[in-house]
Amino acid sequence: MRDGDAALMEASLIAVADAGIDIRLPLFERFLAAFPERRASFISVDASAVAPQLAG
């Protein structure tokens, strides 16, 4: 990553959230399609995708 990448990613994610777009499940689907061997890292993709929302 280069300087400013993290800030740009954060701003993009905030803009998506402010627009009311839910990217959690599509993001997991894309990640697990690219890295199927990592599926065991998640007890439940649905729970993993929802947990941050419950914490806030």
Protein backbone atom coordinates (compact mmCIF):
# COMPACT_ATOMS: atom_id res chain seq x y z
CA MET A 1 0.00 0.00 0.00
CA ARG A 2 1.08 3.53 -0.64
CA ASP A 3 0.60 6.61 1.50
CA GLY A 4 -3.02 7.66 1.44
CA ASP A 5 -4.38 4.24 0.39
CA ALA A 6 -5.89 3.52 3.80
CA ALA A 7 -7.54 6.95 3.94
CA LEU A 8 -8.95 6.48 0.43
CA MET A 9 -10.30 3.02 1.31
CA GLU A 10 -11.85 4.38 4.50
CA ALA A 11 -13.49 7.27 2.63
CA SER A 12 -14.85 4.86 0.02
CA LEU A 13 -16.32 2.54 2.66
CA ILE A 14 -17.88 5.48 4.50
CA ALA A 15 -19.45 6.71 1.25
CA VAL A 16 -20.89 3.24 0.57
CA ALA A 17 -22.30 3.06 4.10
CA ASP A 18 -23.74 6.58 3.86
CA ALA A 19 -25.45 5.57 0.61
CA GLY A 20 -27.07 2.65 2.44
CA ILE A 21 -25.39 0.00 0.30
CA ASP A 22 -24.85 -3.30 2.12
CA ILE A 23 -21.64 -4.85 0.81
CA ARG A 24 -21.04 -7.37 3.60
CA LEU A 25 -22.35 -10.58 2.02
CA PRO A 26 -21.16 -9.80 -1.53
CA LEU A 27 -17.74 -9.03 -0.08
CA PHE A 28 -17.63 -12.38 1.73
CA GLU A 29 -18.83 -14.19 -1.41
CA ARG A 30 -16.08 -12.60 -3.47
CA PHE A 31 -13.43 -13.30 -0.84
CA LEU A 32 -14.46 -16.93 -0.43
CA ALA A 33 -14.60 -17.44 -4.20
CA ALA A 34 -11.01 -16.23 -4.42
CA PHE A 35 -9.84 -18.06 -1.27
CA PRO A 36 -12.10 -21.10 -0.74
CA GLU A 37 -9.59 -22.69 1.61
CA ARG A 38 -10.28 -19.84 4.08
CA ARG A 39 -13.97 -20.78 4.49
CA ALA A 40 -13.09 -22.74 7.65
CA SER A 41 -11.88 -19.48 9.21
CA PHE A 42 -15.51 -18.38 9.48
CA ILE A 43 -17.92 -20.32 11.68
CA SER A 44 -20.79 -18.59 9.90
CA VAL A 45 -20.38 -16.08 7.10
CA ASP A 46 -23.79 -14.62 7.97
CA ALA A 47 -22.79 -14.18 11.62
CA SER A 48 -19.40 -12.79 10.68
CA ALA A 49 -21.02 -10.29 8.34
CA VAL A 50 -23.59 -9.17 10.93
CA ALA A 51 -21.45 -9.12 14.08
CA PRO A 52 -19.90 -5.63 13.53
CA GLN A 53 -23.37 -4.16 13.13
CA LEU A 54 -24.47 -5.65 16.47
CA ALA A 55 -21.43 -4.23 18.21
CA GLY A 56 -22.25 -0.68 17.11
